[in-house]
Amino acid sequence: PTATGKVWIDWLRAANMQIVVGNGLEKPDSHFIDLWKYLERNTPDTNRIIVLNRTKEAIPEWNMYDNNTIFCIGMGEVIDEETAQASKNDIMTVVDYITNKYE
């Protein structure tokens, strides 16, 4: 779920892992920071990973989250001005990580 609040908290607590996606080209914005704090406060024992899209490398502003697993998903094939597919290798790295962690 992308929404927070009382309606969603039971769903968030039921998850084995939370995947939080951020714009890797930018520093963490207020929406990301607020969501992250909410998750830490309400689901402290849940594993989390951060997926930064649009980049192959995290900028220094993401270092405050480096005690978590961070994946960078670069731009894959650009389809048009607004659409791109992520690299299959980048996606498979995330999928393999999750699969190995929960086998």
PDB file of N, CA and C in Angstrom:
ATOM      1  N   PRO A   1       0.829  -1.216   0.000  1.00  0.00           N
ATOM      2  CA  PRO A   1       0.000   0.000   0.000  1.00  0.00           C
ATOM      3  C   PRO A   1       0.859   1.260   0.000  1.00  0.00           C
ATOM      4  N   THR A   2       0.421   2.266  -0.662  1.00  0.00           N
ATOM      5  CA  THR A   2       1.155   3.519  -0.677  1.00  0.00           C
ATOM      6  C   THR A   2       0.557   4.520   0.297  1.00  0.00           C
ATOM      7  N   ALA A   3      -0.608   4.208   0.843  1.00  0.00           N
ATOM      8  CA  ALA A   3      -1.252   5.114   1.796  1.00  0.00           C
ATOM      9  C   ALA A   3      -0.858   4.734   3.215  1.00  0.00           C
ATOM     10  N   THR A   4      -0.911   5.682   4.097  1.00  0.00           N
ATOM     11  CA  THR A   4      -0.649   5.400   5.497  1.00  0.00           C
ATOM     12  C   THR A   4      -1.891   5.762   6.307  1.00  0.00           C
ATOM     13  N   GLY A   5      -1.877   5.356   7.535  1.00  0.00           N
ATOM     14  CA  GLY A   5      -3.013   5.646   8.403  1.00  0.00           C
ATOM     15  C   GLY A   5      -3.546   4.376   9.019  1.00  0.00           C
ATOM     16  N   LYS A   6      -4.549   4.513   9.846  1.00  0.00           N
ATOM     17  CA  LYS A   6      -5.092   3.376  10.584  1.00  0.00           C
ATOM     18  C   LYS A   6      -5.615   2.278   9.670  1.00  0.00           C
ATOM     19  N   VAL A   7      -6.174   2.634   8.536  1.00  0.00           N
ATOM     20  CA  VAL A   7      -6.728   1.641   7.626  1.00  0.00           C
ATOM     21  C   VAL A   7      -5.643   0.709   7.099  1.00  0.00           C
ATOM     22  N   TRP A   8      -4.444   1.223   6.875  1.00  0.00           N
ATOM     23  CA  TRP A   8      -3.379   0.452   6.239  1.00  0.00           C
ATOM     24  C   TRP A   8      -2.421  -0.221   7.207  1.00  0.00           C
ATOM     25  N   ILE A   9      -2.407   0.168   8.455  1.00  0.00           N
ATOM     26  CA  ILE A   9      -1.357  -0.310   9.359  1.00  0.00           C
ATOM     27  C   ILE A   9      -1.364  -1.826   9.533  1.00  0.00           C
ATOM     28  N   ASP A  10      -2.534  -2.462   9.555  1.00  0.00           N
ATOM     29  CA  ASP A  10      -2.558  -3.921   9.687  1.00  0.00           C
ATOM     30  C   ASP A  10      -1.947  -4.601   8.463  1.00  0.00           C
ATOM     31  N   TRP A  11      -2.173  -4.037   7.290  1.00  0.00           N
ATOM     32  CA  TRP A  11      -1.552  -4.578   6.078  1.00  0.00           C
ATOM     33  C   TRP A  11      -0.044  -4.406   6.143  1.00  0.00           C
ATOM     34  N   LEU A  12       0.394  -3.252   6.577  1.00  0.00           N
ATOM     35  CA  LEU A  12       1.831  -2.997   6.656  1.00  0.00           C
ATOM     36  C   LEU A  12       2.496  -3.909   7.677  1.00  0.00           C
ATOM     37  N   ARG A  13       1.829  -4.180   8.778  1.00  0.00           N
ATOM     38  CA  ARG A  13       2.389  -5.069   9.805  1.00  0.00           C
ATOM     39  C   ARG A  13       2.428  -6.516   9.353  1.00  0.00           C
ATOM     40  N   ALA A  14       1.544  -6.890   8.442  1.00  0.00           N
ATOM     41  CA  ALA A  14       1.486  -8.271   7.963  1.00  0.00           C
ATOM     42  C   ALA A  14       2.610  -8.601   6.985  1.00  0.00           C
ATOM     43  N   ALA A  15       3.234  -7.603   6.433  1.00  0.00           N
ATOM     44  CA  ALA A  15       4.264  -7.827   5.410  1.00  0.00           C
ATOM     45  C   ALA A  15       5.543  -8.383   6.017  1.00  0.00           C
ATOM     46  N   ASN A  16       6.190  -9.289   5.296  1.00  0.00           N
ATOM     47  CA  ASN A  16       7.509  -9.780   5.689  1.00  0.00           C
ATOM     48  C   ASN A  16       8.580  -8.750   5.366  1.00  0.00           C
ATOM     49  N   MET A  17       8.318  -7.984   4.314  1.00  0.00           N
ATOM     50  CA  MET A  17       9.276  -6.988   3.863  1.00  0.00           C
ATOM     51  C   MET A  17       8.514  -5.816   3.257  1.00  0.00           C
ATOM     52  N   GLN A  18       9.060  -4.641   3.451  1.00  0.00           N
ATOM     53  CA  GLN A  18       8.501  -3.448   2.832  1.00  0.00           C
ATOM     54  C   GLN A  18       9.505  -2.935   1.807  1.00  0.00           C
ATOM     55  N   ILE A  19       9.013  -2.652   0.617  1.00  0.00           N
ATOM     56  CA  ILE A  19       9.842  -2.108  -0.451  1.00  0.00           C
ATOM     57  C   ILE A  19       9.415  -0.662  -0.645  1.00  0.00           C
ATOM     58  N   VAL A  20      10.329   0.246  -0.385  1.00  0.00           N
ATOM     59  CA  VAL A  20      10.038   1.667  -0.502  1.00  0.00           C
ATOM     60  C   VAL A  20      10.820   2.198  -1.703  1.00  0.00           C
ATOM     61  N   VAL A  21      10.113   2.814  -2.634  1.00  0.00           N
ATOM     62  CA  VAL A  21      10.722   3.298  -3.870  1.00  0.00           C
ATOM     63  C   VAL A  21      10.903   4.805  -3.788  1.00  0.00           C
ATOM     64  N   GLY A  22      12.072   5.249  -4.186  1.00  0.00           N
ATOM     65  CA  GLY A  22      12.365   6.680  -4.209  1.00  0.00           C
ATOM     66  C   GLY A  22      13.003   7.080  -5.522  1.00  0.00           C
ATOM     67  N   ASN A  23      12.925   8.348  -5.834  1.00  0.00           N
ATOM     68  CA  ASN A  23      13.555   8.888  -7.035  1.00  0.00           C
ATOM     69  C   ASN A  23      15.051   9.016  -6.773  1.00  0.00           C
ATOM     70  N   GLY A  24      15.823   8.160  -7.400  1.00  0.00           N
ATOM     71  CA  GLY A  24      17.260   8.147  -7.174  1.00  0.00           C
ATOM     72  C   GLY A  24      18.007   9.352  -7.708  1.00  0.00           C
ATOM     73  N   LEU A  25      17.361  10.134  -8.564  1.00  0.00           N
ATOM     74  CA  LEU A  25      18.007  11.328  -9.092  1.00  0.00           C
ATOM     75  C   LEU A  25      17.960  12.491  -8.113  1.00  0.00           C
ATOM     76  N   GLU A  26      17.099  12.385  -7.140  1.00  0.00           N
ATOM     77  CA  GLU A  26      16.888  13.463  -6.171  1.00  0.00           C
ATOM     78  C   GLU A  26      17.214  12.972  -4.764  1.00  0.00           C
ATOM     79  N   LYS A  27      17.372  13.904  -3.850  1.00  0.00           N
ATOM     80  CA  LYS A  27      17.547  13.538  -2.449  1.00  0.00           C
ATOM     81  C   LYS A  27      16.184  13.102  -1.895  1.00  0.00           C
ATOM     82  N   PRO A  28      16.165  12.412  -0.746  1.00  0.00           N
ATOM     83  CA  PRO A  28      14.881  12.009  -0.167  1.00  0.00           C
ATOM     84  C   PRO A  28      13.993  13.241   0.047  1.00  0.00           C
ATOM     85  N   ASP A  29      12.770  13.187  -0.495  1.00  0.00           N
ATOM     86  CA  ASP A  29      11.865  14.316  -0.330  1.00  0.00           C
ATOM     87  C   ASP A  29      11.017  14.142   0.921  1.00  0.00           C
ATOM     88  N   SER A  30      10.193  15.116   1.220  1.00  0.00           N
ATOM     89  CA  SER A  30       9.405  15.080   2.461  1.00  0.00           C
ATOM     90  C   SER A  30       8.446  13.896   2.480  1.00  0.00           C
ATOM     91  N   HIS A  31       7.922  13.481   1.322  1.00  0.00           N
ATOM     92  CA  HIS A  31       7.014  12.333   1.281  1.00  0.00           C
ATOM     93  C   HIS A  31       7.748  11.053   1.671  1.00  0.00           C
ATOM     94  N   PHE A  32       8.945  10.868   1.117  1.00  0.00           N
ATOM     95  CA  PHE A  32       9.734   9.685   1.447  1.00  0.00           C
ATOM     96  C   PHE A  32      10.090   9.696   2.930  1.00  0.00           C
ATOM     97  N   ILE A  33      10.580  10.821   3.412  1.00  0.00           N
ATOM     98  CA  ILE A  33      11.010  10.927   4.812  1.00  0.00           C
ATOM     99  C   ILE A  33       9.845  10.662   5.757  1.00  0.00           C
ATOM    100  N   ASP A  34       8.689  11.250   5.479  1.00  0.00           N
ATOM    101  CA  ASP A  34       7.513  11.036   6.331  1.00  0.00           C
ATOM    102  C   ASP A  34       7.074   9.576   6.316  1.00  0.00           C
ATOM    103  N   LEU A  35       7.055   8.964   5.134  1.00  0.00           N
ATOM    104  CA  LEU A  35       6.678   7.557   5.034  1.00  0.00           C
ATOM    105  C   LEU A  35       7.668   6.687   5.791  1.00  0.00           C
ATOM    106  N   TRP A  36       8.951   6.951   5.618  1.00  0.00           N
ATOM    107  CA  TRP A  36       9.976   6.144   6.283  1.00  0.00           C
ATOM    108  C   TRP A  36       9.831   6.233   7.804  1.00  0.00           C
ATOM    109  N   LYS A  37       9.648   7.429   8.317  1.00  0.00           N
ATOM    110  CA  LYS A  37       9.468   7.605   9.763  1.00  0.00           C
ATOM    111  C   LYS A  37       8.224   6.880  10.248  1.00  0.00           C
ATOM    112  N   TYR A  38       7.155   6.961   9.463  1.00  0.00           N
ATOM    113  CA  TYR A  38       5.907   6.267   9.804  1.00  0.00           C
ATOM    114  C   TYR A  38       6.138   4.757   9.892  1.00  0.00           C
ATOM    115  N   LEU A  39       6.835   4.202   8.902  1.00  0.00           N
ATOM    116  CA  LEU A  39       7.106   2.770   8.891  1.00  0.00           C
ATOM    117  C   LEU A  39       8.000   2.367  10.059  1.00  0.00           C
ATOM    118  N   GLU A  40       9.024   3.148  10.332  1.00  0.00           N
ATOM    119  CA  GLU A  40       9.910   2.833  11.464  1.00  0.00           C
ATOM    120  C   GLU A  40       9.150   2.857  12.786  1.00  0.00           C
ATOM    121  N   ARG A  41       8.275   3.813  12.937  1.00  0.00           N
ATOM    122  CA  ARG A  41       7.525   3.973  14.178  1.00  0.00           C
ATOM    123  C   ARG A  41       6.475   2.872  14.355  1.00  0.00           C
ATOM    124  N   ASN A  42       5.787   2.521  13.273  1.00  0.00           N
ATOM    125  CA  ASN A  42       4.651   1.608  13.373  1.00  0.00           C
ATOM    126  C   ASN A  42       4.961   0.157  13.040  1.00  0.00           C
ATOM    127  N   THR A  43       6.074  -0.083  12.360  1.00  0.00           N
ATOM    128  CA  THR A  43       6.461  -1.456  12.012  1.00  0.00           C
ATOM    129  C   THR A  43       7.967  -1.617  12.235  1.00  0.00           C
ATOM    130  N   PRO A  44       8.424  -1.448  13.459  1.00  0.00           N
ATOM    131  CA  PRO A  44       9.878  -1.416  13.710  1.00  0.00           C
ATOM    132  C   PRO A  44      10.599  -2.728  13.418  1.00  0.00           C
ATOM    133  N   ASP A  45       9.911  -3.849  13.450  1.00  0.00           N
ATOM    134  CA  ASP A  45      10.571  -5.140  13.265  1.00  0.00           C
ATOM    135  C   ASP A  45      10.474  -5.677  11.842  1.00  0.00           C
ATOM    136  N   THR A  46       9.891  -4.912  10.949  1.00  0.00           N
ATOM    137  CA  THR A  46       9.732  -5.355   9.566  1.00  0.00           C
ATOM    138  C   THR A  46      10.972  -4.990   8.750  1.00  0.00           C
ATOM    139  N   ASN A  47      11.449  -5.956   7.968  1.00  0.00           N
ATOM    140  CA  ASN A  47      12.578  -5.694   7.068  1.00  0.00           C
ATOM    141  C   ASN A  47      12.136  -4.735   5.976  1.00  0.00           C
ATOM    142  N   ARG A  48      13.035  -3.833   5.599  1.00  0.00           N
ATOM    143  CA  ARG A  48      12.752  -2.874   4.538  1.00  0.00           C
ATOM    144  C   ARG A  48      13.911  -2.822   3.563  1.00  0.00           C
ATOM    145  N   ILE A  49      13.580  -2.611   2.299  1.00  0.00           N
ATOM    146  CA  ILE A  49      14.598  -2.290   1.314  1.00  0.00           C
ATOM    147  C   ILE A  49      14.168  -1.004   0.610  1.00  0.00           C
ATOM    148  N   ILE A  50      15.145  -0.307   0.102  1.00  0.00           N
ATOM    149  CA  ILE A  50      14.889   0.914  -0.650  1.00  0.00           C
ATOM    150  C   ILE A  50      15.303   0.658  -2.091  1.00  0.00           C
ATOM    151  N   VAL A  51      14.407   0.971  -3.001  1.00  0.00           N
ATOM    152  CA  VAL A  51      14.701   0.879  -4.429  1.00  0.00           C
ATOM    153  C   VAL A  51      14.724   2.299  -4.973  1.00  0.00           C
ATOM    154  N   LEU A  52      15.885   2.712  -5.423  1.00  0.00           N
ATOM    155  CA  LEU A  52      16.034   4.036  -6.021  1.00  0.00           C
ATOM    156  C   LEU A  52      15.964   3.875  -7.529  1.00  0.00           C
ATOM    157  N   ASN A  53      14.960   4.485  -8.136  1.00  0.00           N
ATOM    158  CA  ASN A  53      14.817   4.342  -9.574  1.00  0.00           C
ATOM    159  C   ASN A  53      15.540   5.462 -10.313  1.00  0.00           C
ATOM    160  N   ARG A  54      15.750   5.248 -11.591  1.00  0.00           N
ATOM    161  CA  ARG A  54      16.357   6.227 -12.502  1.00  0.00           C
ATOM    162  C   ARG A  54      17.842   6.470 -12.278  1.00  0.00           C
ATOM    163  N   THR A  55      18.517   5.596 -11.535  1.00  0.00           N
ATOM    164  CA  THR A  55      19.930   5.836 -11.262  1.00  0.00           C
ATOM    165  C   THR A  55      20.680   4.525 -11.084  1.00  0.00           C
ATOM    166  N   LYS A  56      21.954   4.561 -11.351  1.00  0.00           N
ATOM    167  CA  LYS A  56      22.824   3.402 -11.126  1.00  0.00           C
ATOM    168  C   LYS A  56      23.601   3.533  -9.826  1.00  0.00           C
ATOM    169  N   GLU A  57      23.561   4.726  -9.224  1.00  0.00           N
ATOM    170  CA  GLU A  57      24.335   4.977  -8.015  1.00  0.00           C
ATOM    171  C   GLU A  57      23.600   5.977  -7.131  1.00  0.00           C
ATOM    172  N   ALA A  58      23.565   5.683  -5.838  1.00  0.00           N
ATOM    173  CA  ALA A  58      22.889   6.569  -4.887  1.00  0.00           C
ATOM    174  C   ALA A  58      23.710   7.834  -4.652  1.00  0.00           C
ATOM    175  N   ILE A  59      23.033   8.969  -4.627  1.00  0.00           N
ATOM    176  CA  ILE A  59      23.712  10.222  -4.303  1.00  0.00           C
ATOM    177  C   ILE A  59      23.917  10.281  -2.788  1.00  0.00           C
ATOM    178  N   PRO A  60      24.862  11.095  -2.315  1.00  0.00           N
ATOM    179  CA  PRO A  60      25.212  11.120  -0.886  1.00  0.00           C
ATOM    180  C   PRO A  60      24.045  11.353   0.078  1.00  0.00           C
ATOM    181  N   GLU A  61      23.018  12.064  -0.372  1.00  0.00           N
ATOM    182  CA  GLU A  61      21.891  12.336   0.531  1.00  0.00           C
ATOM    183  C   GLU A  61      21.145  11.073   0.963  1.00  0.00           C
ATOM    184  N   TRP A  62      21.338   9.971   0.267  1.00  0.00           N
ATOM    185  CA  TRP A  62      20.706   8.701   0.649  1.00  0.00           C
ATOM    186  C   TRP A  62      21.547   7.939   1.678  1.00  0.00           C
ATOM    187  N   ASN A  63      22.755   8.436   1.990  1.00  0.00           N
ATOM    188  CA  ASN A  63      23.646   7.725   2.912  1.00  0.00           C
ATOM    189  C   ASN A  63      23.043   7.529   4.294  1.00  0.00           C
ATOM    190  N   MET A  64      22.151   8.413   4.696  1.00  0.00           N
ATOM    191  CA  MET A  64      21.565   8.247   6.036  1.00  0.00           C
ATOM    192  C   MET A  64      20.701   6.985   6.134  1.00  0.00           C
ATOM    193  N   TYR A  65      20.387   6.367   4.996  1.00  0.00           N
ATOM    194  CA  TYR A  65      19.594   5.136   4.988  1.00  0.00           C
ATOM    195  C   TYR A  65      20.431   3.914   4.667  1.00  0.00           C
ATOM    196  N   ASP A  66      21.772   4.065   4.629  1.00  0.00           N
ATOM    197  CA  ASP A  66      22.601   2.965   4.158  1.00  0.00           C
ATOM    198  C   ASP A  66      22.739   1.807   5.140  1.00  0.00           C
ATOM    199  N   ASN A  67      22.108   1.902   6.309  1.00  0.00           N
ATOM    200  CA  ASN A  67      22.053   0.727   7.186  1.00  0.00           C
ATOM    201  C   ASN A  67      20.950  -0.216   6.717  1.00  0.00           C
ATOM    202  N   ASN A  68      20.234   0.161   5.672  1.00  0.00           N
ATOM    203  CA  ASN A  68      19.240  -0.677   5.017  1.00  0.00           C
ATOM    204  C   ASN A  68      19.797  -1.108   3.664  1.00  0.00           C
ATOM    205  N   THR A  69      19.175  -2.112   3.070  1.00  0.00           N
ATOM    206  CA  THR A  69      19.586  -2.540   1.742  1.00  0.00           C
ATOM    207  C   THR A  69      19.014  -1.566   0.726  1.00  0.00           C
ATOM    208  N   ILE A  70      19.885  -1.018  -0.108  1.00  0.00           N
ATOM    209  CA  ILE A  70      19.469  -0.071  -1.143  1.00  0.00           C
ATOM    210  C   ILE A  70      19.846  -0.636  -2.504  1.00  0.00           C
ATOM    211  N   PHE A  71      18.879  -0.649  -3.401  1.00  0.00           N
ATOM    212  CA  PHE A  71      19.109  -1.061  -4.779  1.00  0.00           C
ATOM    213  C   PHE A  71      18.905   0.143  -5.684  1.00  0.00           C
ATOM    214  N   CYS A  72      19.765   0.276  -6.672  1.00  0.00           N
ATOM    215  CA  CYS A  72      19.617   1.333  -7.668  1.00  0.00           C
ATOM    216  C   CYS A  72      19.166   0.698  -8.973  1.00  0.00           C
ATOM    217  N   ILE A  73      18.094   1.222  -9.509  1.00  0.00           N
ATOM    218  CA  ILE A  73      17.511   0.707 -10.745  1.00  0.00           C
ATOM    219  C   ILE A  73      17.677   1.775 -11.818  1.00  0.00           C
ATOM    220  N   GLY A  74      18.609   1.550 -12.696  1.00  0.00           N
ATOM    221  CA  GLY A  74      18.882   2.527 -13.740  1.00  0.00           C
ATOM    222  C   GLY A  74      17.834   2.501 -14.835  1.00  0.00           C
ATOM    223  N   MET A  75      17.918   3.494 -15.672  1.00  0.00           N
ATOM    224  CA  MET A  75      17.017   3.557 -16.818  1.00  0.00           C
ATOM    225  C   MET A  75      17.373   2.439 -17.783  1.00  0.00           C
ATOM    226  N   GLY A  76      16.384   1.743 -18.215  1.00  0.00           N
ATOM    227  CA  GLY A  76      16.587   0.714 -19.232  1.00  0.00           C
ATOM    228  C   GLY A  76      16.273   1.305 -20.586  1.00  0.00           C
ATOM    229  N   GLU A  77      15.534   0.573 -21.356  1.00  0.00           N
ATOM    230  CA  GLU A  77      15.159   1.029 -22.689  1.00  0.00           C
ATOM    231  C   GLU A  77      14.156   2.178 -22.592  1.00  0.00           C
ATOM    232  N   VAL A  78      14.478   3.295 -23.195  1.00  0.00           N
ATOM    233  CA  VAL A  78      13.562   4.431 -23.233  1.00  0.00           C
ATOM    234  C   VAL A  78      12.589   4.216 -24.378  1.00  0.00           C
ATOM    235  N   ILE A  79      11.302   4.189 -24.047  1.00  0.00           N
ATOM    236  CA  ILE A  79      10.269   3.934 -25.051  1.00  0.00           C
ATOM    237  C   ILE A  79       9.819   5.242 -25.689  1.00  0.00           C
ATOM    238  N   ASP A  80       9.556   6.224 -24.865  1.00  0.00           N
ATOM    239  CA  ASP A  80       9.222   7.557 -25.351  1.00  0.00           C
ATOM    240  C   ASP A  80       9.602   8.554 -24.264  1.00  0.00           C
ATOM    241  N   GLU A  81       9.229   9.782 -24.432  1.00  0.00           N
ATOM    242  CA  GLU A  81       9.654  10.841 -23.519  1.00  0.00           C
ATOM    243  C   GLU A  81       9.241  10.588 -22.071  1.00  0.00           C
ATOM    244  N   GLU A  82       8.133   9.892 -21.858  1.00  0.00           N
ATOM    245  CA  GLU A  82       7.619   9.679 -20.505  1.00  0.00           C
ATOM    246  C   GLU A  82       7.735   8.246 -20.019  1.00  0.00           C
ATOM    247  N   THR A  83       8.174   7.339 -20.875  1.00  0.00           N
ATOM    248  CA  THR A  83       8.138   5.928 -20.524  1.00  0.00           C
ATOM    249  C   THR A  83       9.496   5.268 -20.747  1.00  0.00           C
ATOM    250  N   ALA A  84       9.912   4.483 -19.777  1.00  0.00           N
ATOM    251  CA  ALA A  84      11.124   3.685 -19.920  1.00  0.00           C
ATOM    252  C   ALA A  84      10.932   2.380 -19.160  1.00  0.00           C
ATOM    253  N   GLN A  85      11.607   1.369 -19.602  1.00  0.00           N
ATOM    254  CA  GLN A  85      11.592   0.093 -18.899  1.00  0.00           C
ATOM    255  C   GLN A  85      12.901  -0.034 -18.142  1.00  0.00           C
ATOM    256  N   ALA A  86      12.816  -0.462 -16.913  1.00  0.00           N
ATOM    257  CA  ALA A  86      14.027  -0.666 -16.126  1.00  0.00           C
ATOM    258  C   ALA A  86      14.816  -1.835 -16.702  1.00  0.00           C
ATOM    259  N   SER A  87      16.090  -1.825 -16.451  1.00  0.00           N
ATOM    260  CA  SER A  87      16.957  -2.906 -16.890  1.00  0.00           C
ATOM    261  C   SER A  87      16.532  -4.219 -16.234  1.00  0.00           C
ATOM    262  N   LYS A  88      16.425  -5.260 -17.048  1.00  0.00           N
ATOM    263  CA  LYS A  88      16.052  -6.576 -16.518  1.00  0.00           C
ATOM    264  C   LYS A  88      17.061  -7.032 -15.469  1.00  0.00           C
ATOM    265  N   ASN A  89      18.343  -6.769 -15.687  1.00  0.00           N
ATOM    266  CA  ASN A  89      19.366  -7.176 -14.717  1.00  0.00           C
ATOM    267  C   ASN A  89      19.168  -6.490 -13.373  1.00  0.00           C
ATOM    268  N   ASP A  90      18.828  -5.201 -13.395  1.00  0.00           N
ATOM    269  CA  ASP A  90      18.589  -4.477 -12.151  1.00  0.00           C
ATOM    270  C   ASP A  90      17.383  -5.051 -11.406  1.00  0.00           C
ATOM    271  N   ILE A  91      16.317  -5.299 -12.139  1.00  0.00           N
ATOM    272  CA  ILE A  91      15.104  -5.849 -11.528  1.00  0.00           C
ATOM    273  C   ILE A  91      15.382  -7.241 -10.965  1.00  0.00           C
ATOM    274  N   MET A  92      16.097  -8.064 -11.713  1.00  0.00           N
ATOM    275  CA  MET A  92      16.383  -9.424 -11.257  1.00  0.00           C
ATOM    276  C   MET A  92      17.271  -9.429 -10.017  1.00  0.00           C
ATOM    277  N   THR A  93      18.116  -8.442  -9.862  1.00  0.00           N
ATOM    278  CA  THR A  93      18.925  -8.340  -8.648  1.00  0.00           C
ATOM    279  C   THR A  93      18.025  -8.181  -7.429  1.00  0.00           C
ATOM    280  N   VAL A  94      17.015  -7.344  -7.542  1.00  0.00           N
ATOM    281  CA  VAL A  94      16.071  -7.149  -6.441  1.00  0.00           C
ATOM    282  C   VAL A  94      15.257  -8.425  -6.207  1.00  0.00           C
ATOM    283  N   VAL A  95      14.747  -9.013  -7.272  1.00  0.00           N
ATOM    284  CA  VAL A  95      13.945 -10.235  -7.153  1.00  0.00           C
ATOM    285  C   VAL A  95      14.774 -11.359  -6.539  1.00  0.00           C
ATOM    286  N   ASP A  96      16.001 -11.525  -6.995  1.00  0.00           N
ATOM    287  CA  ASP A  96      16.872 -12.573  -6.438  1.00  0.00           C
ATOM    288  C   ASP A  96      17.138 -12.341  -4.952  1.00  0.00           C
ATOM    289  N   TYR A  97      17.353 -11.106  -4.565  1.00  0.00           N
ATOM    290  CA  TYR A  97      17.582 -10.782  -3.156  1.00  0.00           C
ATOM    291  C   TYR A  97      16.373 -11.192  -2.311  1.00  0.00           C
ATOM    292  N   ILE A  98      15.196 -10.824  -2.744  1.00  0.00           N
ATOM    293  CA  ILE A  98      13.978 -11.159  -1.999  1.00  0.00           C
ATOM    294  C   ILE A  98      13.766 -12.672  -1.968  1.00  0.00           C
ATOM    295  N   THR A  99      13.958 -13.316  -3.100  1.00  0.00           N
ATOM    296  CA  THR A  99      13.787 -14.768  -3.172  1.00  0.00           C
ATOM    297  C   THR A  99      14.744 -15.474  -2.224  1.00  0.00           C
ATOM    298  N   ASN A 100      16.006 -15.091  -2.222  1.00  0.00           N
ATOM    299  CA  ASN A 100      16.997 -15.741  -1.356  1.00  0.00           C
ATOM    300  C   ASN A 100      16.720 -15.478   0.111  1.00  0.00           C
ATOM    301  N   LYS A 101      16.197 -14.306   0.416  1.00  0.00           N
ATOM    302  CA  LYS A 101      15.936 -13.960   1.814  1.00  0.00           C
ATOM    303  C   LYS A 101      14.755 -14.743   2.386  1.00  0.00           C
ATOM    304  N   TYR A 102      13.814 -15.125   1.542  1.00  0.00           N
ATOM    305  CA  TYR A 102      12.582 -15.754   2.030  1.00  0.00           C
ATOM    306  C   TYR A 102      12.359 -17.165   1.519  1.00  0.00           C
ATOM    307  N   GLU A 103      13.424 -17.821   1.066  1.00  0.00           N
ATOM    308  CA  GLU A 103      13.291 -19.226   0.644  1.00  0.00           C
ATOM    309  C   GLU A 103      13.161 -20.130   1.838  1.00  0.00           C
TER     310      GLU A 103
END
